[in-house]
N, C-alpha and C. Protein backbone atom coordinates (compact mmCIF):
# COMPACT_ATOMS: atom_id res chain seq x y z
N MET A 1 1.07 -1.25 -0.02
CA MET A 1 -0.01 -0.09 -0.01
C MET A 1 0.66 1.23 -0.12
N ARG A 2 0.79 2.38 -1.11
CA ARG A 2 1.13 3.30 -0.92
C ARG A 2 1.15 4.14 0.42
N THR A 3 2.56 4.84 1.14
CA THR A 3 2.28 5.70 2.10
C THR A 3 2.57 7.19 1.71
N ALA A 4 1.88 8.11 2.39
CA ALA A 4 1.97 9.38 2.14
C ALA A 4 3.18 9.73 2.70
N VAL A 5 3.95 10.81 1.97
CA VAL A 5 5.26 11.32 2.41
C VAL A 5 5.04 12.18 3.09
N THR A 6 5.63 12.45 4.25
CA THR A 6 5.83 13.15 5.35
C THR A 6 6.87 14.00 5.83
N SER A 7 8.02 13.74 4.82
CA SER A 7 9.37 14.51 5.12
C SER A 7 9.49 15.51 4.01
N TYR A 8 8.67 15.89 3.46
CA TYR A 8 9.10 17.05 2.22
C TYR A 8 9.08 18.36 2.83
N LYS A 9 10.42 18.93 2.42
CA LYS A 9 10.65 20.25 3.01
C LYS A 9 10.30 21.47 2.13
N PRO A 10 9.46 22.34 2.30
CA PRO A 10 9.34 23.29 1.32
C PRO A 10 10.54 24.04 0.69
N ASP A 11 11.59 24.20 1.31
CA ASP A 11 12.73 24.72 0.76
C ASP A 11 13.56 23.81 0.03
N ALA A 12 13.44 22.45 0.08
CA ALA A 12 14.43 21.76 -0.64
C ALA A 12 13.90 21.42 -2.01
N PRO A 13 14.43 20.78 -3.28
CA PRO A 13 13.90 20.50 -4.30
C PRO A 13 13.06 19.44 -4.27
N PRO A 14 11.97 18.99 -4.89
CA PRO A 14 11.18 17.95 -4.64
C PRO A 14 11.96 16.50 -4.89
N THR A 15 11.79 15.55 -4.41
CA THR A 15 12.16 14.18 -4.85
C THR A 15 11.23 13.71 -5.69
N LEU A 16 11.26 12.47 -6.34
CA LEU A 16 10.50 11.83 -7.02
C LEU A 16 9.25 11.35 -6.25
N LEU A 17 9.69 10.86 -5.24
CA LEU A 17 8.59 10.55 -4.24
C LEU A 17 7.80 11.58 -3.81
N ASP A 18 8.04 12.59 -3.50
CA ASP A 18 7.35 13.96 -3.23
C ASP A 18 6.43 14.26 -4.45
N ILE A 19 6.92 14.34 -5.66
CA ILE A 19 6.32 14.82 -6.66
C ILE A 19 5.28 13.63 -6.87
N TYR A 20 5.29 12.29 -6.72
CA TYR A 20 4.42 11.23 -7.03
C TYR A 20 3.37 11.45 -6.11
N ASP A 21 3.71 11.76 -4.75
CA ASP A 21 2.48 11.87 -3.70
C ASP A 21 1.64 12.82 -4.09
N ARG A 22 2.40 14.01 -4.55
CA ARG A 22 1.50 15.15 -4.53
C ARG A 22 0.35 15.37 -5.99
N LEU A 23 1.13 14.35 -6.82
CA LEU A 23 0.21 14.21 -8.20
C LEU A 23 -0.50 12.96 -7.85
N HIS A 24 -0.39 12.22 -7.20
CA HIS A 24 -1.39 11.20 -6.70
C HIS A 24 -2.61 11.77 -5.89
N ARG A 25 -2.38 12.51 -4.99
CA ARG A 25 -3.25 12.96 -3.87
C ARG A 25 -4.28 13.99 -4.83
N HIS A 26 -3.53 14.88 -5.73
CA HIS A 26 -4.30 15.68 -6.33
C HIS A 26 -5.20 15.24 -7.70
N HIS A 27 -4.56 14.30 -8.29
CA HIS A 27 -5.26 13.83 -9.38
C HIS A 27 -5.90 12.38 -9.45
N GLY A 28 -5.32 11.57 -8.40
CA GLY A 28 -5.95 10.20 -8.12
C GLY A 28 -5.68 9.47 -9.40
N TYR A 29 -6.03 8.27 -9.25
CA TYR A 29 -5.90 7.31 -10.38
C TYR A 29 -7.11 7.12 -11.02
N GLU A 30 -6.90 7.38 -12.71
CA GLU A 30 -7.86 7.22 -13.51
C GLU A 30 -7.91 5.97 -14.25
N PRO A 31 -8.57 4.70 -13.90
CA PRO A 31 -8.32 3.62 -14.41
C PRO A 31 -8.96 3.53 -16.05
N HIS A 32 -9.61 4.47 -16.60
CA HIS A 32 -10.28 4.20 -17.58
C HIS A 32 -10.13 5.26 -18.64
N TRP A 33 -9.01 6.24 -18.41
CA TRP A 33 -9.03 7.66 -19.22
C TRP A 33 -8.71 7.35 -20.63
N TRP A 34 -7.99 6.44 -21.07
CA TRP A 34 -7.69 6.07 -22.49
C TRP A 34 -9.41 5.99 -23.27
N PRO A 35 -9.34 6.56 -24.34
CA PRO A 35 -10.54 6.49 -24.93
C PRO A 35 -10.69 5.23 -25.69
N ILE A 36 -11.89 4.52 -25.43
CA ILE A 36 -12.20 3.41 -25.79
C ILE A 36 -13.56 3.21 -26.57
N PHE A 37 -13.34 2.58 -27.80
CA PHE A 37 -14.53 2.46 -28.61
C PHE A 37 -15.17 0.95 -28.78
N THR A 38 -14.46 0.01 -28.38
CA THR A 38 -14.81 -1.51 -28.49
C THR A 38 -14.65 -2.13 -27.45
N VAL A 39 -15.15 -3.46 -27.22
CA VAL A 39 -15.10 -4.20 -26.27
C VAL A 39 -13.85 -4.92 -26.01
N ASN A 40 -12.89 -4.95 -27.05
CA ASN A 40 -11.52 -5.63 -26.98
C ASN A 40 -10.77 -4.19 -26.72
N TRP A 41 -10.88 -3.89 -25.55
CA TRP A 41 -10.05 -2.86 -25.06
C TRP A 41 -8.45 -2.90 -25.24
N ARG A 42 -8.13 -4.04 -24.84
CA ARG A 42 -6.43 -4.26 -24.75
C ARG A 42 -5.75 -4.02 -26.30
N TRP A 43 -6.75 -5.03 -26.85
CA TRP A 43 -6.18 -4.86 -28.66
C TRP A 43 -6.61 -3.08 -29.14
N GLU A 44 -7.34 -2.85 -28.43
CA GLU A 44 -7.69 -1.32 -29.27
C GLU A 44 -6.45 -0.51 -28.64
N ILE A 45 -6.21 -0.54 -27.44
CA ILE A 45 -4.91 0.16 -26.85
C ILE A 45 -4.02 0.09 -27.70
N MET A 46 -3.33 -1.00 -27.91
CA MET A 46 -2.32 -1.57 -28.73
C MET A 46 -2.29 -0.94 -29.98
N LEU A 47 -3.48 -0.86 -30.57
CA LEU A 47 -3.32 -0.38 -32.03
C LEU A 47 -3.22 1.22 -31.93
N GLY A 48 -3.95 1.75 -30.97
CA GLY A 48 -3.98 3.15 -30.71
C GLY A 48 -2.66 3.68 -30.61
N ALA A 49 -1.65 2.81 -29.67
CA ALA A 49 -0.34 3.34 -29.46
C ALA A 49 0.45 3.35 -30.61
N ILE A 50 0.36 2.71 -31.62
CA ILE A 50 0.99 2.55 -32.91
C ILE A 50 0.56 3.81 -33.79
N LEU A 51 -0.98 3.85 -33.88
CA LEU A 51 -1.52 4.73 -34.76
C LEU A 51 -1.13 6.12 -34.15
N VAL A 52 -1.02 6.35 -32.86
CA VAL A 52 -0.92 7.99 -32.50
C VAL A 52 0.63 8.46 -32.85
N GLN A 53 1.37 7.67 -33.27
CA GLN A 53 2.66 8.21 -33.41
C GLN A 53 2.66 9.26 -34.56
N GLN A 54 3.18 10.47 -33.92
CA GLN A 54 3.14 11.56 -35.18
C GLN A 54 1.60 11.99 -35.40
N THR A 55 0.54 11.84 -34.90
CA THR A 55 -0.82 11.80 -35.00
C THR A 55 -1.53 12.42 -34.43
N GLN A 56 -2.55 13.26 -34.58
CA GLN A 56 -3.38 13.57 -33.48
C GLN A 56 -4.36 12.62 -32.97
N TRP A 57 -4.78 12.87 -31.75
CA TRP A 57 -5.58 11.70 -31.40
C TRP A 57 -6.78 11.60 -32.02
N GLU A 58 -7.57 12.97 -32.50
CA GLU A 58 -8.65 12.79 -33.28
C GLU A 58 -8.73 11.79 -34.42
N ARG A 59 -7.54 11.84 -35.10
CA ARG A 59 -7.41 11.19 -36.19
C ARG A 59 -7.25 9.56 -35.96
N VAL A 60 -6.38 9.16 -34.63
CA VAL A 60 -6.42 8.10 -34.34
C VAL A 60 -7.94 7.46 -34.13
N GLU A 61 -8.68 8.39 -33.27
CA GLU A 61 -10.17 7.86 -33.19
C GLU A 61 -10.89 7.51 -34.59
N GLN A 62 -10.56 8.25 -35.50
CA GLN A 62 -11.26 8.04 -36.86
C GLN A 62 -10.71 6.54 -37.26
N ALA A 63 -9.51 6.60 -37.52
CA ALA A 63 -8.73 5.32 -37.80
C ALA A 63 -9.40 4.03 -37.01
N ILE A 64 -9.53 4.26 -35.64
CA ILE A 64 -10.11 3.10 -34.84
C ILE A 64 -11.23 2.87 -35.43
N GLN A 65 -12.25 3.76 -35.58
CA GLN A 65 -13.70 3.57 -35.91
C GLN A 65 -13.63 2.75 -37.10
N GLY A 66 -12.79 3.44 -38.10
CA GLY A 66 -12.84 2.82 -39.38
C GLY A 66 -12.43 1.25 -39.45
N LEU A 67 -11.58 1.03 -38.53
CA LEU A 67 -11.23 -0.71 -38.59
C LEU A 67 -12.24 -1.44 -37.55
N ASP A 68 -13.03 -0.67 -36.85
CA ASP A 68 -14.04 -1.43 -36.07
C ASP A 68 -15.23 -1.49 -36.95
N ARG A 69 -15.72 -0.62 -37.97
CA ARG A 69 -16.65 -0.95 -38.70
C ARG A 69 -16.62 -2.11 -39.63
N LEU A 70 -15.27 -2.53 -40.05
CA LEU A 70 -14.89 -3.77 -40.53
C LEU A 70 -14.49 -4.87 -39.87
N GLY A 71 -14.75 -4.69 -38.51
CA GLY A 71 -14.54 -5.91 -37.62
C GLY A 71 -12.99 -6.10 -37.27
N LEU A 72 -12.19 -5.23 -37.44
CA LEU A 72 -10.72 -5.44 -37.36
C LEU A 72 -10.14 -4.90 -36.13
N VAL A 73 -10.91 -4.59 -35.48
CA VAL A 73 -10.33 -4.58 -33.75
C VAL A 73 -10.33 -5.65 -33.31
N ASP A 74 -9.90 -6.62 -33.97
CA ASP A 74 -9.78 -8.34 -33.38
C ASP A 74 -8.62 -8.67 -34.06
N GLU A 75 -7.96 -9.60 -32.97
CA GLU A 75 -6.60 -9.72 -33.25
C GLU A 75 -6.41 -10.62 -34.69
N ARG A 76 -7.55 -11.84 -34.61
CA ARG A 76 -7.63 -12.73 -35.86
C ARG A 76 -7.97 -11.95 -36.84
N ALA A 77 -9.07 -11.32 -36.79
CA ALA A 77 -9.58 -10.76 -38.20
C ALA A 77 -8.44 -9.86 -38.76
N LEU A 78 -7.70 -8.73 -37.91
CA LEU A 78 -6.73 -8.07 -38.54
C LEU A 78 -5.74 -9.05 -39.23
N ALA A 79 -5.12 -9.85 -38.40
CA ALA A 79 -4.07 -10.81 -38.92
C ALA A 79 -4.59 -11.29 -40.46
N ASP A 80 -5.59 -11.61 -40.55
CA ASP A 80 -6.23 -12.53 -42.10
C ASP A 80 -6.57 -11.08 -43.14
N ALA A 81 -6.66 -9.87 -42.65
CA ALA A 81 -7.13 -9.01 -43.72
C ALA A 81 -6.20 -8.61 -44.71
N PRO A 82 -6.71 -8.11 -45.95
CA PRO A 82 -6.09 -7.88 -46.91
C PRO A 82 -5.17 -6.47 -46.26
N LEU A 83 -3.64 -6.43 -46.69
CA LEU A 83 -3.31 -4.92 -46.49
C LEU A 83 -3.89 -3.65 -46.86
N GLU A 84 -4.40 -3.99 -48.20
CA GLU A 84 -4.85 -2.64 -48.62
C GLU A 84 -6.19 -2.31 -48.11
N THR A 85 -6.69 -3.35 -47.39
CA THR A 85 -8.23 -2.99 -46.63
C THR A 85 -7.88 -2.20 -45.25
N ILE A 86 -6.85 -3.06 -44.76
CA ILE A 86 -6.23 -2.13 -43.38
C ILE A 86 -5.80 -0.63 -43.83
N THR A 87 -5.00 -0.77 -44.75
CA THR A 87 -4.48 0.63 -45.32
C THR A 87 -5.50 1.79 -45.56
N ALA A 88 -6.71 1.48 -46.16
CA ALA A 88 -7.49 2.10 -46.24
C ALA A 88 -8.29 2.73 -45.05
N ALA A 89 -8.52 1.77 -44.11
CA ALA A 89 -9.17 1.98 -42.84
C ALA A 89 -8.54 3.00 -41.74
N ILE A 90 -7.34 2.84 -42.10
CA ILE A 90 -6.30 3.69 -41.21
C ILE A 90 -5.80 5.13 -41.82
N ARG A 91 -6.30 5.23 -42.98
CA ARG A 91 -5.78 6.71 -43.79
C ARG A 91 -6.00 8.07 -43.02
N PRO A 92 -6.83 8.15 -41.95
CA PRO A 92 -6.60 9.40 -41.69
C PRO A 92 -5.29 9.76 -40.37
N VAL A 93 -4.74 8.39 -40.22
CA VAL A 93 -3.42 8.70 -39.29
C VAL A 93 -2.44 9.06 -40.47
N ALA A 94 -1.32 9.58 -39.93
CA ALA A 94 -0.02 10.10 -40.53
C ALA A 94 0.68 8.80 -40.58
N TYR A 95 1.56 8.67 -42.19
CA TYR A 95 2.18 7.30 -42.39
C TYR A 95 1.32 5.98 -42.26
N TYR A 96 0.39 6.16 -42.70
CA TYR A 96 -0.62 5.14 -42.68
C TYR A 96 -0.21 3.79 -43.49
N ASN A 97 0.66 3.93 -44.59
CA ASN A 97 1.17 3.00 -45.43
C ASN A 97 2.22 2.39 -44.73
N GLY A 98 2.99 2.92 -43.63
CA GLY A 98 3.86 2.25 -42.97
C GLY A 98 3.32 1.61 -41.85
N LYS A 99 2.26 2.21 -41.39
CA LYS A 99 1.69 1.86 -40.16
C LYS A 99 0.95 0.45 -40.14
N ALA A 100 0.07 0.35 -41.55
CA ALA A 100 -0.40 -0.84 -41.98
C ALA A 100 -0.01 -2.18 -41.73
N PRO A 101 1.23 -2.26 -42.55
CA PRO A 101 1.78 -3.48 -42.44
C PRO A 101 2.25 -3.73 -40.64
N SER A 102 2.80 -2.77 -40.23
CA SER A 102 3.27 -3.22 -38.97
C SER A 102 2.00 -3.43 -37.92
N ILE A 103 0.72 -2.91 -38.03
CA ILE A 103 -0.39 -3.40 -37.11
C ILE A 103 -0.77 -4.94 -37.38
N LYS A 104 -0.64 -5.29 -38.86
CA LYS A 104 -0.94 -6.49 -39.37
C LYS A 104 -0.08 -7.41 -38.88
N HIS A 105 1.44 -7.12 -38.74
CA HIS A 105 2.60 -7.92 -38.13
C HIS A 105 2.14 -8.35 -36.80
N LEU A 106 1.65 -7.15 -36.17
CA LEU A 106 1.57 -7.33 -34.72
C LEU A 106 0.39 -8.45 -34.52
N ALA A 107 -0.60 -8.31 -35.24
CA ALA A 107 -1.89 -9.02 -34.98
C ALA A 107 -1.20 -10.92 -35.39
N ARG A 108 -0.37 -10.71 -36.35
CA ARG A 108 0.14 -12.11 -36.79
C ARG A 108 0.82 -12.49 -35.50
N TYR A 109 1.56 -11.87 -35.08
CA TYR A 109 2.51 -12.19 -34.01
C TYR A 109 1.71 -12.93 -32.80
N VAL A 110 0.64 -12.14 -32.37
CA VAL A 110 -0.33 -12.43 -31.33
C VAL A 110 -1.18 -13.50 -31.66
N VAL A 111 -1.61 -13.77 -32.88
CA VAL A 111 -2.00 -15.19 -33.33
C VAL A 111 -1.11 -16.23 -33.19
N GLU A 112 -0.05 -16.03 -33.56
CA GLU A 112 1.03 -16.95 -33.98
C GLU A 112 1.65 -17.37 -32.23
N HIS A 113 1.65 -16.73 -31.43
CA HIS A 113 2.52 -16.75 -30.23
C HIS A 113 1.43 -16.66 -28.81
N TYR A 114 0.48 -16.32 -29.14
CA TYR A 114 -0.36 -16.00 -28.02
C TYR A 114 -1.69 -16.21 -28.01
N ASP A 115 -2.32 -17.17 -29.18
CA ASP A 115 -3.54 -17.82 -29.47
C ASP A 115 -4.57 -16.72 -29.81
N GLY A 116 -3.88 -15.77 -30.62
CA GLY A 116 -5.02 -14.32 -30.97
C GLY A 116 -5.46 -13.78 -29.86
N VAL A 117 -4.82 -13.83 -28.60
CA VAL A 117 -5.31 -12.79 -27.61
C VAL A 117 -4.28 -12.31 -27.09
N CYS A 118 -4.18 -10.82 -27.23
CA CYS A 118 -3.21 -10.10 -26.87
C CYS A 118 -2.94 -10.05 -25.46
N GLY A 119 -3.86 -10.20 -24.58
CA GLY A 119 -3.78 -10.06 -23.32
C GLY A 119 -2.89 -11.19 -22.62
N ASN A 120 -2.76 -12.43 -23.38
CA ASN A 120 -1.82 -13.43 -23.07
C ASN A 120 -0.55 -13.12 -22.89
N LEU A 121 -0.03 -12.08 -23.77
CA LEU A 121 1.27 -11.57 -23.79
C LEU A 121 1.70 -10.83 -22.48
N PHE A 122 0.75 -10.21 -21.72
CA PHE A 122 0.85 -9.62 -20.78
C PHE A 122 0.79 -10.52 -19.50
N THR A 123 0.94 -11.59 -19.45
CA THR A 123 0.84 -12.37 -18.44
C THR A 123 2.23 -12.87 -17.65
N GLN A 124 3.43 -12.56 -18.82
CA GLN A 124 4.36 -13.02 -18.23
C GLN A 124 5.07 -11.50 -17.78
N PRO A 125 6.53 -11.78 -17.07
CA PRO A 125 7.02 -10.69 -16.44
C PRO A 125 7.14 -9.52 -17.60
N VAL A 126 7.10 -8.38 -16.90
CA VAL A 126 7.14 -6.75 -17.80
C VAL A 126 8.17 -6.94 -18.70
N GLU A 127 9.36 -7.12 -17.78
CA GLU A 127 10.58 -7.10 -19.02
C GLU A 127 10.61 -7.96 -19.94
N GLN A 128 10.40 -9.00 -19.89
CA GLN A 128 10.29 -10.00 -20.91
C GLN A 128 9.11 -9.43 -22.12
N ALA A 129 8.03 -9.27 -21.43
CA ALA A 129 6.95 -8.72 -22.63
C ALA A 129 7.32 -7.39 -23.53
N ARG A 130 8.17 -6.54 -22.45
CA ARG A 130 8.89 -5.32 -23.13
C ARG A 130 9.67 -5.56 -24.23
N SER A 131 10.60 -6.60 -23.94
CA SER A 131 11.80 -7.26 -24.89
C SER A 131 10.99 -7.76 -26.18
N GLU A 132 9.98 -8.44 -25.93
CA GLU A 132 9.33 -8.96 -27.45
C GLU A 132 8.76 -7.58 -27.99
N LEU A 133 8.13 -6.83 -27.52
CA LEU A 133 7.65 -5.86 -28.27
C LEU A 133 8.39 -4.87 -28.67
N LEU A 134 9.75 -4.74 -28.40
CA LEU A 134 10.47 -4.10 -28.76
C LEU A 134 11.21 -4.60 -30.33
N GLN A 135 10.96 -5.81 -30.48
CA GLN A 135 11.53 -6.57 -31.30
C GLN A 135 10.45 -6.29 -32.57
N LEU A 136 9.26 -5.51 -32.53
CA LEU A 136 8.23 -5.57 -33.56
C LEU A 136 8.22 -4.19 -34.42
N PRO A 137 7.73 -4.21 -35.52
CA PRO A 137 7.86 -3.05 -36.13
C PRO A 137 6.99 -1.74 -35.57
N HIS A 138 7.71 -0.66 -35.92
CA HIS A 138 6.83 0.54 -35.32
C HIS A 138 6.56 0.36 -33.68
N ILE A 139 7.25 -0.53 -32.70
CA ILE A 139 7.14 -0.36 -31.53
C ILE A 139 8.58 -0.14 -30.94
N GLY A 140 8.58 1.46 -30.36
CA GLY A 140 9.65 1.86 -29.79
C GLY A 140 9.68 1.71 -28.65
N PRO A 141 10.55 2.05 -27.48
CA PRO A 141 10.35 2.18 -25.95
C PRO A 141 9.22 2.94 -25.52
N GLU A 142 9.21 3.91 -25.93
CA GLU A 142 7.73 4.76 -25.42
C GLU A 142 6.58 4.06 -25.84
N THR A 143 6.33 3.42 -26.81
CA THR A 143 5.23 2.64 -27.29
C THR A 143 5.20 1.46 -26.52
N ALA A 144 6.02 0.70 -26.58
CA ALA A 144 6.22 -0.33 -25.53
C ALA A 144 5.50 -0.20 -24.22
N ASP A 145 6.32 0.66 -23.58
CA ASP A 145 5.90 0.98 -22.29
C ASP A 145 4.45 1.48 -22.20
N ALA A 146 4.05 2.34 -22.95
CA ALA A 146 2.62 2.76 -22.95
C ALA A 146 1.53 1.53 -23.12
N MET A 147 1.77 0.46 -23.98
CA MET A 147 1.23 -0.85 -24.17
C MET A 147 1.48 -1.44 -22.76
N LEU A 148 2.31 -1.59 -22.19
CA LEU A 148 2.33 -2.27 -20.84
C LEU A 148 1.66 -1.74 -19.94
N VAL A 149 2.03 -0.31 -19.60
CA VAL A 149 1.04 0.36 -18.75
C VAL A 149 -0.22 0.26 -19.02
N TYR A 150 -0.89 0.62 -20.18
CA TYR A 150 -2.38 0.96 -20.21
C TYR A 150 -3.19 -0.26 -20.97
N ALA A 151 -2.24 -1.16 -21.59
CA ALA A 151 -3.07 -2.33 -22.19
C ALA A 151 -2.78 -3.73 -21.10
N GLY A 152 -1.56 -3.43 -20.55
CA GLY A 152 -1.12 -4.65 -19.72
C GLY A 152 -1.14 -4.41 -18.14
N ASP A 153 -1.52 -3.27 -18.07
CA ASP A 153 -1.49 -3.01 -16.59
C ASP A 153 -0.16 -3.24 -15.67
N GLY A 154 0.71 -2.93 -16.23
CA GLY A 154 2.12 -3.31 -16.07
C GLY A 154 2.79 -2.09 -15.43
N ALA A 155 3.82 -2.52 -14.55
CA ALA A 155 4.52 -1.33 -13.79
C ALA A 155 5.70 -1.06 -14.95
N SER A 156 5.48 -0.36 -15.69
CA SER A 156 6.68 0.21 -16.91
C SER A 156 6.43 1.80 -16.77
N PHE A 157 7.47 2.49 -16.91
CA PHE A 157 7.54 3.80 -16.81
C PHE A 157 7.63 4.55 -18.11
N VAL A 158 6.52 5.23 -18.46
CA VAL A 158 6.69 5.73 -19.82
C VAL A 158 7.35 7.17 -19.77
N VAL A 159 8.28 7.70 -20.61
CA VAL A 159 9.14 8.63 -20.65
C VAL A 159 8.40 9.51 -21.91
N ASP A 160 7.54 10.57 -21.78
CA ASP A 160 6.86 11.21 -22.81
C ASP A 160 7.27 12.70 -22.74
N THR A 161 6.97 13.21 -23.78
CA THR A 161 6.90 14.66 -23.69
C THR A 161 6.53 15.55 -22.40
N TYR A 162 5.29 15.25 -21.93
CA TYR A 162 4.79 15.67 -20.58
C TYR A 162 5.64 15.49 -19.52
N LEU A 163 6.38 14.29 -19.30
CA LEU A 163 7.39 14.21 -18.21
C LEU A 163 8.51 14.94 -18.50
N ARG A 164 8.87 15.28 -19.63
CA ARG A 164 10.28 16.26 -19.75
C ARG A 164 9.57 17.51 -19.47
N ARG A 165 8.55 18.01 -19.96
CA ARG A 165 8.43 19.36 -19.69
C ARG A 165 8.30 19.58 -18.08
N LEU A 166 7.51 18.64 -17.25
CA LEU A 166 7.52 18.81 -15.91
C LEU A 166 8.52 19.10 -15.15
N PHE A 167 9.56 17.99 -15.42
CA PHE A 167 10.43 17.91 -14.74
C PHE A 167 11.93 18.86 -15.44
N GLY A 168 11.32 19.32 -16.53
CA GLY A 168 12.49 20.25 -16.98
C GLY A 168 12.16 21.70 -16.13
N ARG A 169 10.81 21.91 -16.03
CA ARG A 169 10.57 23.14 -15.21
C ARG A 169 10.98 22.98 -13.64
N LEU A 170 10.71 21.90 -13.14
CA LEU A 170 11.23 21.51 -11.86
C LEU A 170 12.62 21.87 -11.42
N GLY A 171 13.34 21.54 -12.36
CA GLY A 171 14.82 21.57 -12.33
C GLY A 171 15.43 20.50 -11.75
N ASN A 172 15.14 19.45 -11.11
CA ASN A 172 15.90 18.78 -10.21
C ASN A 172 16.15 17.51 -10.80
N ILE A 173 16.27 17.40 -12.26
CA ILE A 173 16.80 16.51 -12.96
C ILE A 173 17.75 17.16 -14.04
N PRO A 174 19.07 17.31 -14.12
CA PRO A 174 20.00 17.96 -15.22
C PRO A 174 19.70 17.45 -16.36
N GLU A 175 19.36 18.15 -17.39
CA GLU A 175 19.48 17.60 -18.97
C GLU A 175 18.20 16.56 -19.10
N VAL A 176 17.13 16.91 -18.29
CA VAL A 176 15.95 16.04 -18.57
C VAL A 176 15.56 16.13 -20.12
N THR A 177 15.66 17.07 -20.61
CA THR A 177 15.14 17.22 -21.86
C THR A 177 16.08 16.54 -23.18
N THR A 178 17.16 16.49 -22.89
CA THR A 178 18.16 15.77 -24.06
C THR A 178 18.51 14.34 -23.47
N LEU A 179 18.34 13.97 -22.13
CA LEU A 179 18.68 12.56 -21.59
C LEU A 179 18.08 11.46 -22.80
N LYS A 180 18.74 10.48 -23.01
CA LYS A 180 18.25 9.33 -23.88
C LYS A 180 16.91 8.62 -23.17
N TYR A 181 15.99 8.15 -23.71
CA TYR A 181 14.78 7.67 -23.17
C TYR A 181 15.26 6.50 -22.07
N GLU A 182 16.26 5.59 -22.49
CA GLU A 182 16.30 4.73 -21.42
C GLU A 182 16.97 4.91 -20.03
N ALA A 183 17.95 5.85 -20.44
CA ALA A 183 18.73 6.58 -19.14
C ALA A 183 17.75 7.09 -18.11
N LEU A 184 16.75 8.03 -18.72
CA LEU A 184 15.86 8.67 -18.09
C LEU A 184 14.79 7.52 -17.37
N ARG A 185 14.17 6.65 -18.16
CA ARG A 185 13.48 5.88 -17.53
C ARG A 185 14.00 5.11 -16.30
N ARG A 186 15.52 4.63 -16.40
CA ARG A 186 16.24 3.86 -15.22
C ARG A 186 16.13 4.91 -14.41
N HIS A 187 16.31 6.05 -14.31
CA HIS A 187 16.42 7.01 -13.39
C HIS A 187 15.25 7.07 -12.64
N PHE A 188 14.06 7.34 -13.21
CA PHE A 188 12.94 7.11 -12.86
C PHE A 188 12.57 5.89 -11.82
N GLU A 189 12.57 5.01 -12.60
CA GLU A 189 12.35 3.68 -11.95
C GLU A 189 13.45 3.39 -10.64
N ALA A 190 14.46 3.54 -10.41
CA ALA A 190 15.59 3.49 -9.60
C ALA A 190 15.23 4.58 -8.37
N GLY A 191 14.53 5.67 -8.70
CA GLY A 191 14.23 6.74 -7.78
C GLY A 191 12.82 6.29 -7.00
N LEU A 192 12.19 5.52 -7.59
CA LEU A 192 10.72 5.10 -6.79
C LEU A 192 10.98 3.78 -6.23
N PRO A 193 10.01 3.60 -4.99
CA PRO A 193 10.46 2.48 -4.03
C PRO A 193 9.55 1.42 -4.92
N GLU A 194 10.23 0.08 -4.66
CA GLU A 194 9.40 -1.11 -5.43
C GLU A 194 8.23 -1.22 -5.02
N GLY A 195 7.11 -1.53 -5.58
CA GLY A 195 5.92 -1.83 -5.18
C GLY A 195 4.91 -0.78 -5.25
N LEU A 196 5.37 0.53 -5.49
CA LEU A 196 4.72 1.43 -5.60
C LEU A 196 3.43 1.52 -6.89
N ASP A 197 2.33 1.99 -6.24
CA ASP A 197 1.28 2.05 -7.44
C ASP A 197 1.67 3.04 -8.43
N CYS A 198 1.87 2.13 -9.64
CA CYS A 198 2.33 2.84 -11.10
C CYS A 198 1.52 3.00 -12.07
N ARG A 199 0.14 2.63 -11.46
CA ARG A 199 -0.81 2.88 -12.24
C ARG A 199 -0.99 4.30 -12.99
N PRO A 200 -1.68 4.32 -13.98
CA PRO A 200 -1.79 5.84 -14.75
C PRO A 200 -2.31 6.99 -13.80
N ILE A 201 -1.62 8.18 -13.79
CA ILE A 201 -2.11 9.29 -13.11
C ILE A 201 -2.20 10.24 -14.28
N ARG A 202 -3.42 10.64 -14.73
CA ARG A 202 -3.68 11.51 -15.88
C ARG A 202 -3.30 13.27 -15.86
N ILE A 203 -2.12 13.67 -16.44
CA ILE A 203 -2.10 14.69 -16.21
C ILE A 203 -1.34 15.49 -17.50
N SER A 204 -1.57 16.92 -17.59
CA SER A 204 -1.08 17.43 -18.98
C SER A 204 -0.43 18.50 -18.53
N VAL A 205 0.79 18.81 -19.16
CA VAL A 205 1.69 19.99 -18.97
C VAL A 205 1.74 20.39 -20.21
N ALA A 206 1.28 21.92 -20.29
CA ALA A 206 1.13 22.94 -21.29
C ALA A 206 2.69 23.11 -21.72
N ALA A 207 2.98 23.16 -23.25
CA ALA A 207 3.99 23.57 -23.89
C ALA A 207 4.50 24.96 -23.44
N VAL A 208 3.79 25.95 -22.97
CA VAL A 208 4.08 27.31 -22.58
C VAL A 208 3.83 27.32 -21.00
N PRO A 209 4.46 27.69 -19.84
CA PRO A 209 4.22 27.81 -18.44
C PRO A 209 3.17 28.70 -18.16
N GLY A 210 2.60 28.20 -17.36
CA GLY A 210 1.33 29.21 -16.97
C GLY A 210 0.11 28.31 -16.57
N CYS A 211 0.25 27.15 -16.17
CA CYS A 211 -0.72 26.18 -15.49
C CYS A 211 -1.08 26.64 -13.99
N SER A 212 -2.26 26.49 -13.82
CA SER A 212 -2.83 26.67 -12.28
C SER A 212 -3.12 25.07 -11.83
N GLY A 213 -2.95 25.53 -10.42
CA GLY A 213 -3.34 24.18 -9.87
C GLY A 213 -2.52 23.47 -8.92
N ILE A 214 -1.95 22.38 -8.97
CA ILE A 214 -0.89 21.82 -8.10
C ILE A 214 0.45 22.41 -8.05
N SER A 215 1.06 22.58 -7.06
CA SER A 215 2.02 23.31 -6.83
C SER A 215 3.18 22.08 -6.49
N MET A 216 4.21 22.16 -6.98
CA MET A 216 5.34 21.27 -6.62
C MET A 216 6.38 21.85 -5.67
N HIS A 217 6.28 23.24 -5.66
CA HIS A 217 7.48 23.81 -4.70
C HIS A 217 6.59 24.37 -3.32
C-alpha cells in the first residue's frame, strides 16, 4: 500500500516520491481515461499506441472507428485482412502506408504466439513482454511502455513529452530534456520504491508555462 510522504521540506527540491505523492493526491488514479470504442479494449489500446505516433488523437479515433466498422479491432481478423483494406481504414493517421503492415504484423504475432489474445502477452514478466514488443515494427521504447502500462496494467515507466516538460520546469533532473529515453526511464524507476502504485495518473503539462492548480514547490 502506498504511504503518504511526510518528510517533504518546502525549501528543498522535490524528490521523485514527493512529486508522485502530490500528483497522486491531487489527480488520483484514473483507470479508464484512455478513450475506448470497442469491447476489445486491450487490443484497441495496442493499435492506438502505434497509430498515434506523430498523429493527433482525433485522427486515431477515426482510424480505430474505421477498423471497427470492418470488424478489424480483433487480433485474428486483422491478421487475416488484406493489407490494402487495413491501409484504407487507417488513412486518417500519418504514415498510414507504414503503419498498416506494422499493425498487421503485430496481429499475426499475437495469433502465432499468444493464441490470438493480446492479453496473454501481458501475463509474463514485464521486462520479458517489453523485450518482445521492442522486436516488432513501429514499436519503440515509449510505445512499448505505453502498451505495458495501459493495455497490460504493468509497472513500466513511460517517458513522454509531458514528463520531460514537467521535470524540466522543476529543475531537479539535469538535462532532462536531452537525456536518452532508457537513461531517463532507469533514473525514474530507480528513484521510486519497489511496489509503488504505478498505474496511470492523468496529467497534462502545457508547452508554455502558466498552468494553475497543483504546486510542486
